[in-house]
Amino acid sequence: MPTAHRIVFAAPRQVVLEPQEVPDPGPGQVLLRTERTLISTGTELTALTGDFAPNSRWAEMTRYPMGVGYSNVATVTRVGEGVATVKAGARVASWAPHATWAVHGAERLWPIPDGIDAEVAAFATLAEIVMGGLRRGRVAFGESIAIVGAGLLGQLAAHFCRVAGAWPIVVLDPAERRLATALSIGATHAFPLTSEQARPEIERVTRGRMADVVFEITGNPLAFPGAVRLARRQGRVVLLGSPRGPVTIDLHDEVHGLSLEVIGAHNQAHPPVETPGAPWTMARHAELFLEWQRAGVIDVRPLITHRYPWRRAVEAYQMLLEDRSRALGVVLDWSGD
């Protein structure tokens, strides 16, 4: 029986390539042969480093050894019993992991239109997460935006806010090398500042009004109090990055007294099925992302900073552990043996 390989976090800061038998799809499942995967540098690095509170949901989800990854582009090679929505040979994006082969539920596969290459399609999962966050934040044209964190999600948020007609769009990140990319992909202003340092600049850029919507995307609990102070009275603060621990803030003075909305934007906030009242599912957002890319409305290719063949995956994670600020989109190529 041929073997597959998958990426496993064996222990904190320990990445291995683990051989695995090629699985058979069960009822309602398909077998995928992976073309490309995209590393989620936020979520995956949090799990790899163990940088979270010991009794948190993070700790509950992170159990070593663990298979990882959720941004996969693949070809369907076999379908299980009862699968009628997709056929062998179809190219799909999905939540499947970093692995040569993977079994995945047929209900959560996103068809890839002709003309979209695998590297671009690998962004579909992160794109639909960010789109869901913008929709939760009710971003409207002409609204001012402050984005705290210029990693991959922050870059996508700036890109999509620009398409939505927001103005100005201010991106904050102490890592200056990320800011030029943010400006090229949608931000109107970018500053090498933390959220705690940025209030004077946000006040200046917004002519004293402050931000209509603030996206906190670092997940760093220390960044949240500063992010709240960037919002206008009755503004919205959206937690698009997954927080990694408790936050201390004076709710009366900094939230209640200003009538702020603090909005959680976890991906599970998407409705499970499309209905007239709640049409924007994960699949619908992924479809929109892929259509935007094909139509030239957006272009995520400038976000790809690193490419590695799957056999060098351990090297890719080591690079991220050493200095993740030098990377945005890190793509793994699974096309070779």
Protein backbone atom coordinates (compact mmCIF):
# COMPACT_ATOMS: atom_id res chain seq x y z
CA MET A 1 0.00 0.00 0.00
CA PRO A 2 1.47 3.40 -0.92
CA THR A 3 2.12 5.87 1.87
CA ALA A 4 1.10 9.44 2.36
CA HIS A 5 2.90 12.07 4.36
CA ARG A 6 1.34 14.61 6.64
CA ILE A 7 2.71 17.41 8.79
CA VAL A 8 2.47 16.74 12.51
CA PHE A 9 3.30 18.90 15.50
CA ALA A 10 4.84 16.20 17.67
CA ALA A 11 5.44 18.51 20.64
CA PRO A 12 5.84 22.25 21.21
CA ARG A 13 8.23 23.62 18.55
CA GLN A 14 8.73 20.16 17.04
CA VAL A 15 7.52 19.55 13.46
CA VAL A 16 7.77 16.16 11.74
CA LEU A 17 6.75 14.65 8.42
CA GLU A 18 4.85 11.50 9.32
CA PRO A 19 4.21 8.63 6.86
CA GLN A 20 0.57 7.57 6.67
CA GLU A 21 -1.40 4.99 4.74
CA VAL A 22 -3.57 6.34 1.97
CA PRO A 23 -7.05 6.47 3.53
CA ASP A 24 -10.29 5.26 1.97
CA PRO A 25 -13.23 7.66 1.81
CA GLY A 26 -16.26 6.66 3.83
CA PRO A 27 -19.91 7.49 3.15
CA GLY A 28 -20.27 11.18 2.33
CA GLN A 29 -16.51 11.62 1.98
CA VAL A 30 -13.99 12.06 -0.81
CA LEU A 31 -10.31 11.23 -1.16
CA LEU A 32 -8.19 14.24 -2.06
CA ARG A 33 -4.74 14.34 -3.68
CA THR A 34 -3.22 17.60 -2.50
CA GLU A 35 -1.66 20.11 -4.91
CA ARG A 36 -0.86 23.03 -2.57
CA THR A 37 -1.48 24.08 1.00
CA LEU A 38 -1.09 27.45 2.69
CA ILE A 39 0.32 27.75 6.21
CA SER A 40 -1.88 29.74 8.56
CA THR A 41 0.96 31.51 10.29
CA GLY A 42 -1.23 32.79 13.11
CA THR A 43 -3.24 29.76 14.19
CA GLU A 44 -0.59 27.17 13.36
CA LEU A 45 2.25 29.05 15.04
CA THR A 46 0.11 29.49 18.17
CA ALA A 47 -0.44 25.73 18.30
CA LEU A 48 3.21 25.00 17.52
CA THR A 49 4.65 27.32 20.16
CA GLY A 50 2.06 26.66 22.85
CA ASP A 51 1.72 30.42 23.31
CA PHE A 52 -1.68 30.39 25.04
CA ALA A 53 -3.22 30.25 28.50
CA PRO A 54 -3.04 26.74 30.05
CA ASN A 55 -6.76 26.39 30.82
CA SER A 56 -8.06 28.03 27.67
CA ARG A 57 -9.92 26.74 24.65
CA TRP A 58 -6.56 26.88 22.87
CA ALA A 59 -5.18 24.36 25.36
CA GLU A 60 -8.21 22.14 24.87
CA MET A 61 -7.78 22.14 21.08
CA THR A 62 -4.01 21.62 21.08
CA ARG A 63 -3.10 18.02 21.84
CA TYR A 64 0.30 16.76 20.73
CA PRO A 65 0.94 14.96 18.46
CA MET A 66 -1.50 16.70 16.14
CA GLY A 67 -2.03 16.92 12.41
CA VAL A 68 -2.29 20.52 11.24
CA GLY A 69 -3.36 22.74 8.38
CA TYR A 70 -6.70 23.83 6.96
CA SER A 71 -6.00 25.63 3.67
CA ASN A 72 -5.82 22.91 1.04
CA VAL A 73 -6.17 22.72 -2.75
CA ALA A 74 -6.52 19.24 -4.20
CA THR A 75 -7.97 17.00 -6.87
CA VAL A 76 -10.78 14.62 -5.95
CA THR A 77 -9.55 11.11 -6.75
CA ARG A 78 -12.31 8.91 -5.27
CA VAL A 79 -15.76 9.54 -3.87
CA GLY A 80 -17.44 7.60 -1.10
CA GLU A 81 -20.91 6.15 -0.95
CA GLY A 82 -23.71 8.64 -1.34
CA VAL A 83 -21.60 11.49 -2.74
CA ALA A 84 -23.37 13.13 -5.68
CA THR A 85 -22.19 16.73 -5.42
CA VAL A 86 -18.68 16.21 -6.74
CA LYS A 87 -16.96 13.80 -9.12
CA ALA A 88 -13.47 12.37 -9.37
CA GLY A 89 -11.18 14.77 -11.22
CA ALA A 90 -12.69 17.95 -9.76
CA ARG A 91 -10.29 20.56 -8.35
CA VAL A 92 -11.42 21.88 -4.99
CA ALA A 93 -10.35 24.04 -2.08
CA SER A 94 -11.16 22.79 1.39
CA TRP A 95 -10.28 22.62 5.08
CA ALA A 96 -8.19 19.49 4.53
CA PRO A 97 -4.79 19.42 6.31
CA HIS A 98 -1.17 19.58 5.19
CA ALA A 99 -0.94 16.07 3.75
CA THR A 100 -0.26 14.30 0.47
CA TRP A 101 -3.66 12.62 0.66
CA ALA A 102 -6.66 13.47 2.80
CA VAL A 103 -10.20 12.29 3.36
CA HIS A 104 -12.68 15.14 3.63
CA GLY A 105 -16.42 15.60 3.89
CA ALA A 106 -18.01 16.27 0.52
CA GLU A 107 -20.27 18.95 1.99
CA ARG A 108 -17.38 21.36 2.57
CA LEU A 109 -15.58 21.43 -0.76
CA TRP A 110 -15.31 24.62 -2.81
CA PRO A 111 -15.03 24.14 -6.59
CA ILE A 112 -12.16 26.06 -8.18
CA PRO A 113 -13.12 27.97 -11.34
CA ASP A 114 -11.06 27.60 -14.51
CA GLY A 115 -8.19 30.06 -14.65
CA ILE A 116 -7.44 30.03 -10.91
CA ASP A 117 -4.12 28.42 -10.06
CA ALA A 118 -3.59 26.27 -6.99
CA GLU A 119 -1.48 28.82 -5.10
CA VAL A 120 -4.22 31.44 -5.30
CA ALA A 121 -7.00 28.97 -4.50
CA ALA A 122 -5.12 27.95 -1.34
CA PHE A 123 -6.09 31.35 0.12
CA ALA A 124 -9.81 30.50 -0.01
CA THR A 125 -10.09 29.39 3.61
CA LEU A 126 -8.33 32.41 5.09
CA ALA A 127 -10.20 34.68 2.68
CA GLU A 128 -13.61 33.44 3.76
CA ILE A 129 -12.59 33.87 7.41
CA VAL A 130 -11.66 37.51 6.77
CA MET A 131 -14.77 38.13 4.67
CA GLY A 132 -16.86 36.81 7.53
CA GLY A 133 -15.09 39.22 9.88
CA LEU A 134 -15.78 42.20 7.62
CA ARG A 135 -19.41 41.19 7.37
CA ARG A 136 -19.65 40.84 11.16
CA GLY A 137 -18.14 44.32 11.43
CA ARG A 138 -20.68 45.71 8.94
CA VAL A 139 -18.03 47.59 7.00
CA ALA A 140 -19.65 50.21 4.75
CA PHE A 141 -18.24 52.46 2.02
CA GLY A 142 -16.67 55.63 3.34
CA GLU A 143 -16.07 54.23 6.83
CA SER A 144 -12.65 54.63 8.42
CA ILE A 145 -10.81 51.44 9.31
CA ALA A 146 -7.94 50.68 11.68
CA ILE A 147 -6.32 47.25 11.29
CA VAL A 148 -4.07 46.14 14.14
CA GLY A 149 -1.69 43.54 12.75
CA ALA A 150 -0.34 43.27 9.19
CA GLY A 151 0.08 39.53 8.98
CA LEU A 152 -1.74 37.54 6.34
CA LEU A 153 -5.23 38.17 7.77
CA GLY A 154 -4.48 41.86 8.21
CA GLN A 155 -3.34 42.13 4.60
CA LEU A 156 -6.50 40.41 3.38
CA ALA A 157 -8.63 42.65 5.60
CA ALA A 158 -7.06 45.77 4.05
CA HIS A 159 -7.56 44.33 0.56
CA PHE A 160 -11.23 43.54 1.12
CA CYS A 161 -11.98 46.79 2.99
CA ARG A 162 -10.66 48.68 -0.05
CA VAL A 163 -12.99 46.70 -2.32
CA ALA A 164 -15.85 47.50 0.07
CA GLY A 165 -15.16 51.21 -0.34
CA ALA A 166 -13.86 51.96 3.14
CA TRP A 167 -11.69 55.08 3.54
CA PRO A 168 -9.21 55.66 5.04
CA ILE A 169 -7.76 52.23 5.82
CA VAL A 170 -4.94 52.39 8.36
CA VAL A 171 -2.75 49.36 9.02
CA LEU A 172 -0.57 49.10 12.13
CA ASP A 173 2.32 46.72 12.68
CA PRO A 174 5.72 47.17 14.35
CA ALA A 175 7.25 45.01 11.58
CA GLU A 176 7.93 47.65 8.92
CA ARG A 177 8.63 45.14 6.16
CA ARG A 178 4.92 44.22 6.11
CA LEU A 179 3.67 47.77 5.70
CA ALA A 180 4.76 48.32 2.09
CA THR A 181 2.73 45.26 1.10
CA ALA A 182 -0.28 46.58 2.99
CA LEU A 183 -0.08 49.88 1.11
CA SER A 184 0.21 48.10 -2.23
CA ILE A 185 -2.81 45.89 -1.59
CA GLY A 186 -5.35 48.30 -0.14
CA ALA A 187 -4.24 50.33 2.88
CA THR A 188 -4.24 54.10 2.55
CA HIS A 189 -1.87 54.56 5.49
CA ALA A 190 0.52 52.22 7.30
CA PHE A 191 2.47 52.92 10.46
CA PRO A 192 5.13 50.88 12.31
CA LEU A 193 3.26 51.30 15.58
CA THR A 194 1.53 49.17 18.18
CA SER A 195 -2.11 49.79 19.01
CA GLU A 196 -1.02 51.54 22.21
CA GLN A 197 1.12 54.00 20.24
CA ALA A 198 -1.20 54.68 17.34
CA ARG A 199 -3.99 56.86 18.74
CA PRO A 200 -2.44 60.21 17.67
CA GLU A 201 -1.98 58.98 14.09
CA ILE A 202 -5.50 57.54 13.88
CA GLU A 203 -6.87 60.82 15.22
CA ARG A 204 -4.88 62.77 12.63
CA VAL A 205 -5.79 60.58 9.65
CA THR A 206 -9.51 60.53 10.55
CA ARG A 207 -9.59 64.30 11.25
CA GLY A 208 -10.37 63.70 14.88
CA ARG A 209 -13.25 61.29 14.32
CA MET A 210 -11.30 58.08 15.13
CA ALA A 211 -11.99 54.75 13.43
CA ASP A 212 -15.50 53.57 12.63
CA VAL A 213 -14.29 49.97 12.71
CA VAL A 214 -11.17 48.56 14.35
CA PHE A 215 -9.97 45.06 13.50
CA GLU A 216 -7.73 43.46 16.13
CA ILE A 217 -5.94 40.69 14.26
CA THR A 218 -2.80 39.99 16.29
CA GLY A 219 -4.51 37.77 18.86
CA ASN A 220 -2.14 39.28 21.43
CA PRO A 221 -4.10 40.12 24.61
CA LEU A 222 -1.82 43.11 25.19
CA ALA A 223 -2.97 44.66 21.91
CA PHE A 224 -6.67 44.70 22.69
CA PRO A 225 -6.84 47.63 25.16
CA GLY A 226 -4.99 49.84 22.70
CA ALA A 227 -7.21 48.70 19.83
CA VAL A 228 -10.33 49.71 21.75
CA ARG A 229 -8.95 53.24 22.17
CA LEU A 230 -8.72 53.69 18.39
CA ALA A 231 -12.49 53.44 17.88
CA ARG A 232 -14.87 56.38 17.76
CA ARG A 233 -17.81 56.70 20.14
CA GLN A 234 -20.34 53.99 19.16
CA GLY A 235 -17.72 52.43 16.91
CA ARG A 236 -17.09 48.71 16.41
CA VAL A 237 -14.09 46.66 17.52
CA VAL A 238 -13.88 43.31 15.72
CA LEU A 239 -11.81 40.43 17.10
CA LEU A 240 -10.72 38.84 13.84
CA GLY A 241 -7.54 37.31 15.26
CA SER A 242 -8.11 34.58 17.86
CA PRO A 243 -7.13 36.01 21.28
CA ARG A 244 -4.53 33.98 23.16
CA GLY A 245 -5.34 34.86 26.76
CA PRO A 246 -7.26 37.05 29.21
CA VAL A 247 -7.52 40.81 28.70
CA THR A 248 -7.67 43.51 31.39
CA ILE A 249 -9.72 46.56 30.48
CA ASP A 250 -12.01 49.01 32.23
CA LEU A 251 -15.33 48.06 30.64
CA HIS A 252 -17.12 51.10 32.01
CA ASP A 253 -14.69 53.76 30.87
CA GLU A 254 -13.49 52.22 27.61
CA VAL A 255 -16.48 50.24 26.32
CA HIS A 256 -19.72 51.00 28.13
CA GLY A 257 -19.16 54.74 28.46
CA LEU A 258 -18.46 55.04 24.72
CA SER A 259 -21.23 52.62 23.72
CA LEU A 260 -18.71 50.56 21.74
CA GLU A 261 -19.57 47.26 20.14
CA VAL A 262 -17.02 44.50 20.69
CA ILE A 263 -17.69 41.84 18.07
CA GLY A 264 -16.34 38.30 18.01
CA ALA A 265 -15.66 37.14 14.48
CA HIS A 266 -14.78 33.47 14.79
CA ASN A 267 -15.31 31.57 11.56
CA GLN A 268 -18.03 29.48 13.19
CA ALA A 269 -20.23 32.60 13.19
CA HIS A 270 -20.98 31.75 9.56
CA PRO A 271 -24.43 30.17 9.14
CA PRO A 272 -24.21 26.41 8.54
CA VAL A 273 -26.48 26.57 5.48
CA GLU A 274 -27.48 29.31 3.07
CA THR A 275 -30.93 30.80 3.75
CA PRO A 276 -32.67 33.96 2.51
CA GLY A 277 -32.12 35.59 5.89
CA ALA A 278 -28.51 34.45 6.31
CA PRO A 279 -27.02 33.74 2.88
CA TRP A 280 -23.31 34.27 3.59
CA THR A 281 -21.95 30.84 4.45
CA MET A 282 -18.27 29.86 4.35
CA ALA A 283 -18.87 28.36 0.91
CA ARG A 284 -20.54 31.53 -0.36
CA HIS A 285 -17.63 33.67 0.81
CA ALA A 286 -15.09 31.26 -0.69
CA GLU A 287 -17.00 31.35 -3.97
CA LEU A 288 -16.97 35.16 -3.92
CA PHE A 289 -13.23 35.24 -3.20
CA LEU A 290 -12.46 32.94 -6.13
CA GLU A 291 -14.74 34.91 -8.48
CA TRP A 292 -13.17 38.21 -7.40
CA GLN A 293 -9.71 36.80 -8.08
CA ARG A 294 -10.72 35.48 -11.50
CA ALA A 295 -12.37 38.79 -12.41
CA GLY A 296 -9.32 40.82 -11.38
CA VAL A 297 -11.16 42.63 -8.58
CA ILE A 298 -8.51 41.41 -6.14
CA ASP A 299 -5.13 39.74 -6.45
CA VAL A 300 -3.60 37.80 -3.57
CA ARG A 301 -0.48 36.71 -5.46
CA PRO A 302 1.63 39.59 -4.04
CA LEU A 303 1.01 38.10 -0.59
CA ILE A 304 2.98 34.94 -1.39
CA THR A 305 6.45 35.43 0.09
CA HIS A 306 7.72 31.85 0.38
CA ARG A 307 7.30 28.58 -1.50
CA TYR A 308 8.56 25.22 -0.24
CA PRO A 309 8.25 21.66 -1.55
CA TRP A 310 6.50 19.55 1.09
CA ARG A 311 9.71 17.68 1.94
CA ARG A 312 11.12 20.99 3.25
CA ALA A 313 8.10 21.74 5.43
CA VAL A 314 10.11 21.46 8.64
CA GLU A 315 12.43 24.15 7.27
CA ALA A 316 9.43 26.36 6.52
CA TYR A 317 8.17 26.18 10.09
CA GLN A 318 11.66 26.77 11.46
CA MET A 319 11.85 29.95 9.39
CA LEU A 320 8.54 31.08 10.88
CA LEU A 321 9.65 30.26 14.41
CA GLU A 322 12.79 32.32 13.96
CA ASP A 323 11.03 35.42 12.60
CA ARG A 324 7.50 35.15 11.28
CA SER A 325 7.42 38.88 10.50
CA ARG A 326 9.45 38.25 7.32
CA ALA A 327 6.74 35.99 5.89
CA LEU A 328 3.17 36.39 4.73
CA GLY A 329 1.87 33.66 2.43
CA VAL A 330 3.90 30.47 2.85
CA VAL A 331 2.82 27.90 0.26
CA LEU A 332 3.72 24.20 0.39
CA ASP A 333 3.90 22.29 -2.91
CA TRP A 334 2.64 18.68 -2.65
CA SER A 335 2.81 17.88 -6.37
CA GLY A 336 6.11 15.93 -6.19
CA ASP A 337 6.84 12.54 -4.67
